[in-house]
Amino acid sequence: QVQVVESGGGLVQTGGSLRLSCTASGLTFDDDVMGWFRQAPGKEREGVSCITRRLRKEDYADSVKGRFTISRDNAKNTLYLEMNNLKPEDTATYYCAAFGSQWKLITCPLTGAPYNAWGQGTQVTVSS
């Protein structure tokens, strides 16, 4: 059973930076994807970024390209999201998610459906 736990949220001013972390357990597949999603009050959940384990293929939502960087330490089963130049519209609860695959993956999805392990979420608040 795959489990993920996030950490690193907080309150930051506009233009500031934060780094989120997510540690996974139970990812014992040939390949896997870990990703970040977010949901603001009254809005739908949005895929922020994702990364595959073997080829480290990445994808980003247009709203965060150039500001956020995803990375992972496979030896530690840990996922990171470096968030720079934060804006008030980045305020949301951020969720880490993961799923395993028996095939080598050449892309990763920013839709939530394939992910079957979700964290409890960590709050990111950007003040104006």
C-alpha atoms as a PDB file:
ATOM      1  CA  GLN A   1       0.000   0.000   0.000  1.00  0.00           C
ATOM      2  CA  VAL A   2       1.412   3.341  -1.073  1.00  0.00           C
ATOM      3  CA  GLN A   3       1.347   6.141   1.462  1.00  0.00           C
ATOM      4  CA  VAL A   4       2.544   9.739   1.160  1.00  0.00           C
ATOM      5  CA  VAL A   5       3.024  12.473   3.742  1.00  0.00           C
ATOM      6  CA  GLU A   6       3.572  16.146   2.937  1.00  0.00           C
ATOM      7  CA  SER A   7       5.319  18.853   4.891  1.00  0.00           C
ATOM      8  CA  GLY A   8       6.638  22.370   4.406  1.00  0.00           C
ATOM      9  CA  GLY A   9       3.650  24.623   3.950  1.00  0.00           C
ATOM     10  CA  GLY A  10       3.300  27.979   5.649  1.00  0.00           C
ATOM     11  CA  LEU A  11       2.631  31.686   5.348  1.00  0.00           C
ATOM     12  CA  VAL A  12       4.768  33.797   3.037  1.00  0.00           C
ATOM     13  CA  GLN A  13       4.557  37.243   1.484  1.00  0.00           C
ATOM     14  CA  THR A  14       4.080  37.850  -2.220  1.00  0.00           C
ATOM     15  CA  GLY A  15       7.331  37.201  -4.029  1.00  0.00           C
ATOM     16  CA  GLY A  16       8.586  34.841  -1.361  1.00  0.00           C
ATOM     17  CA  SER A  17       9.587  31.193  -1.562  1.00  0.00           C
ATOM     18  CA  LEU A  18       8.640  27.911   0.065  1.00  0.00           C
ATOM     19  CA  ARG A  19       9.698  24.324  -0.366  1.00  0.00           C
ATOM     20  CA  LEU A  20       7.290  21.452   0.066  1.00  0.00           C
ATOM     21  CA  SER A  21       8.406  17.905   0.760  1.00  0.00           C
ATOM     22  CA  CYS A  22       6.632  14.588   0.453  1.00  0.00           C
ATOM     23  CA  THR A  23       7.879  11.225   1.630  1.00  0.00           C
ATOM     24  CA  ALA A  24       6.431   8.083   0.115  1.00  0.00           C
ATOM     25  CA  SER A  25       6.376   4.489   1.263  1.00  0.00           C
ATOM     26  CA  GLY A  26       5.271   1.377  -0.572  1.00  0.00           C
ATOM     27  CA  LEU A  27       6.396   2.465  -4.056  1.00  0.00           C
ATOM     28  CA  THR A  28       7.822  -0.856  -5.197  1.00  0.00           C
ATOM     29  CA  PHE A  29       6.752  -0.823  -8.857  1.00  0.00           C
ATOM     30  CA  ASP A  30       8.881  -0.823 -11.988  1.00  0.00           C
ATOM     31  CA  ASP A  31       8.169   2.888 -12.275  1.00  0.00           C
ATOM     32  CA  ASP A  32       6.025   5.446 -10.544  1.00  0.00           C
ATOM     33  CA  VAL A  33       4.820   9.031 -10.658  1.00  0.00           C
ATOM     34  CA  MET A  34       4.708  11.522  -7.835  1.00  0.00           C
ATOM     35  CA  GLY A  35       2.902  14.801  -8.188  1.00  0.00           C
ATOM     36  CA  TRP A  36       1.594  17.907  -6.514  1.00  0.00           C
ATOM     37  CA  PHE A  37      -1.977  19.103  -6.654  1.00  0.00           C
ATOM     38  CA  ARG A  38      -3.642  22.050  -4.988  1.00  0.00           C
ATOM     39  CA  GLN A  39      -7.118  23.164  -4.116  1.00  0.00           C
ATOM     40  CA  ALA A  40      -8.192  26.628  -3.077  1.00  0.00           C
ATOM     41  CA  PRO A  41     -11.503  27.254  -1.281  1.00  0.00           C
ATOM     42  CA  GLY A  42     -14.376  27.182  -3.714  1.00  0.00           C
ATOM     43  CA  LYS A  43     -12.211  25.971  -6.583  1.00  0.00           C
ATOM     44  CA  GLU A  44     -11.583  22.637  -8.198  1.00  0.00           C
ATOM     45  CA  ARG A  45      -8.445  20.669  -7.543  1.00  0.00           C
ATOM     46  CA  GLU A  46      -5.636  21.609  -9.913  1.00  0.00           C
ATOM     47  CA  GLY A  47      -2.642  19.589 -11.006  1.00  0.00           C
ATOM     48  CA  VAL A  48       0.492  21.623 -10.275  1.00  0.00           C
ATOM     49  CA  SER A  49       3.417  19.427 -11.251  1.00  0.00           C
ATOM     50  CA  CYS A  50       4.460  15.808 -11.597  1.00  0.00           C
ATOM     51  CA  ILE A  51       7.575  13.728 -12.191  1.00  0.00           C
ATOM     52  CA  THR A  52       8.317  10.133 -13.134  1.00  0.00           C
ATOM     53  CA  ARG A  53      10.866   8.128 -11.198  1.00  0.00           C
ATOM     54  CA  ARG A  54      12.973   6.406 -13.855  1.00  0.00           C
ATOM     55  CA  LEU A  55      13.234   9.025 -16.617  1.00  0.00           C
ATOM     56  CA  ARG A  56      12.430  12.015 -14.390  1.00  0.00           C
ATOM     57  CA  LYS A  57       9.966  13.314 -16.952  1.00  0.00           C
ATOM     58  CA  GLU A  58       8.291  16.433 -15.599  1.00  0.00           C
ATOM     59  CA  ASP A  59       5.199  18.487 -16.305  1.00  0.00           C
ATOM     60  CA  TYR A  60       3.877  21.736 -14.907  1.00  0.00           C
ATOM     61  CA  ALA A  61       0.650  23.659 -14.957  1.00  0.00           C
ATOM     62  CA  ASP A  62       0.955  26.799 -17.070  1.00  0.00           C
ATOM     63  CA  SER A  63       0.194  28.916 -14.013  1.00  0.00           C
ATOM     64  CA  VAL A  64       3.407  27.812 -12.253  1.00  0.00           C
ATOM     65  CA  LYS A  65       5.867  27.339 -15.129  1.00  0.00           C
ATOM     66  CA  GLY A  66       9.054  29.279 -14.527  1.00  0.00           C
ATOM     67  CA  ARG A  67       8.289  29.719 -10.830  1.00  0.00           C
ATOM     68  CA  PHE A  68       7.960  26.200  -9.420  1.00  0.00           C
ATOM     69  CA  THR A  69      10.464  23.355  -9.725  1.00  0.00           C
ATOM     70  CA  ILE A  70       9.710  19.739  -8.948  1.00  0.00           C
ATOM     71  CA  SER A  71      12.404  17.254  -8.017  1.00  0.00           C
ATOM     72  CA  ARG A  72      12.757  13.915  -6.296  1.00  0.00           C
ATOM     73  CA  ASP A  73      15.352  11.951  -4.402  1.00  0.00           C
ATOM     74  CA  ASN A  74      14.663   8.363  -5.334  1.00  0.00           C
ATOM     75  CA  ALA A  75      17.023   6.997  -2.718  1.00  0.00           C
ATOM     76  CA  LYS A  76      14.962   8.728  -0.040  1.00  0.00           C
ATOM     77  CA  ASN A  77      11.576   8.261  -1.775  1.00  0.00           C
ATOM     78  CA  THR A  78      11.078  11.980  -1.288  1.00  0.00           C
ATOM     79  CA  LEU A  79       9.471  14.507  -3.576  1.00  0.00           C
ATOM     80  CA  TYR A  80      10.066  18.243  -3.455  1.00  0.00           C
ATOM     81  CA  LEU A  81       8.381  21.329  -4.827  1.00  0.00           C
ATOM     82  CA  GLU A  82      10.442  24.502  -4.803  1.00  0.00           C
ATOM     83  CA  MET A  83       8.061  27.448  -5.119  1.00  0.00           C
ATOM     84  CA  ASN A  84       9.505  30.854  -5.956  1.00  0.00           C
ATOM     85  CA  ASN A  85       7.954  34.235  -6.701  1.00  0.00           C
ATOM     86  CA  LEU A  86       4.793  33.164  -4.939  1.00  0.00           C
ATOM     87  CA  LYS A  87       1.569  35.004  -5.666  1.00  0.00           C
ATOM     88  CA  PRO A  88      -1.655  35.319  -3.679  1.00  0.00           C
ATOM     89  CA  GLU A  89      -3.356  33.093  -6.241  1.00  0.00           C
ATOM     90  CA  ASP A  90      -0.998  30.278  -5.205  1.00  0.00           C
ATOM     91  CA  THR A  91      -2.779  30.159  -1.861  1.00  0.00           C
ATOM     92  CA  ALA A  92      -4.253  26.677  -1.481  1.00  0.00           C
ATOM     93  CA  THR A  93      -3.957  23.361   0.232  1.00  0.00           C
ATOM     94  CA  TYR A  94      -1.243  21.411  -1.541  1.00  0.00           C
ATOM     95  CA  TYR A  95      -1.495  17.660  -1.832  1.00  0.00           C
ATOM     96  CA  CYS A  96       1.139  15.120  -2.690  1.00  0.00           C
ATOM     97  CA  ALA A  97      -0.004  12.116  -4.702  1.00  0.00           C
ATOM     98  CA  ALA A  98       1.558   9.022  -6.227  1.00  0.00           C
ATOM     99  CA  PHE A  99       0.870   5.917  -8.240  1.00  0.00           C
ATOM    100  CA  GLY A 100       2.934   2.975  -9.413  1.00  0.00           C
ATOM    101  CA  SER A 101       3.272   1.423 -12.836  1.00  0.00           C
ATOM    102  CA  GLN A 102       4.522  -1.876 -14.208  1.00  0.00           C
ATOM    103  CA  TRP A 103       5.792  -0.052 -17.310  1.00  0.00           C
ATOM    104  CA  LYS A 104       8.442   2.594 -17.784  1.00  0.00           C
ATOM    105  CA  LEU A 105       6.665   5.941 -18.072  1.00  0.00           C
ATOM    106  CA  ILE A 106       7.578   8.645 -20.585  1.00  0.00           C
ATOM    107  CA  THR A 107       5.157  11.232 -19.263  1.00  0.00           C
ATOM    108  CA  CYS A 108       3.195  12.008 -16.142  1.00  0.00           C
ATOM    109  CA  PRO A 109      -0.409  13.149 -15.780  1.00  0.00           C
ATOM    110  CA  LEU A 110      -1.639  16.339 -14.166  1.00  0.00           C
ATOM    111  CA  THR A 111      -5.097  14.899 -13.799  1.00  0.00           C
ATOM    112  CA  GLY A 112      -5.888  13.250 -10.519  1.00  0.00           C
ATOM    113  CA  ALA A 113      -7.498  10.071 -11.748  1.00  0.00           C
ATOM    114  CA  PRO A 114      -4.423   7.781 -12.024  1.00  0.00           C
ATOM    115  CA  TYR A 115      -3.157   8.672  -8.566  1.00  0.00           C
ATOM    116  CA  ASN A 116      -4.187   6.251  -5.852  1.00  0.00           C
ATOM    117  CA  ALA A 117      -2.221   7.549  -2.886  1.00  0.00           C
ATOM    118  CA  TRP A 118      -2.912  11.006  -1.498  1.00  0.00           C
ATOM    119  CA  GLY A 119      -1.528  12.927   1.430  1.00  0.00           C
ATOM    120  CA  GLN A 120      -3.500  14.919   3.939  1.00  0.00           C
ATOM    121  CA  GLY A 121      -2.403  18.218   2.461  1.00  0.00           C
ATOM    122  CA  THR A 122      -0.345  21.148   3.637  1.00  0.00           C
ATOM    123  CA  GLN A 123      -1.533  24.746   3.617  1.00  0.00           C
ATOM    124  CA  VAL A 124       0.281  27.411   1.633  1.00  0.00           C
ATOM    125  CA  THR A 125      -0.850  30.984   2.189  1.00  0.00           C
ATOM    126  CA  VAL A 126       0.607  33.899   0.251  1.00  0.00           C
ATOM    127  CA  SER A 127      -0.209  37.322   1.628  1.00  0.00           C
ATOM    128  CA  SER A 128      -0.424  40.379  -0.593  1.00  0.00           C
END
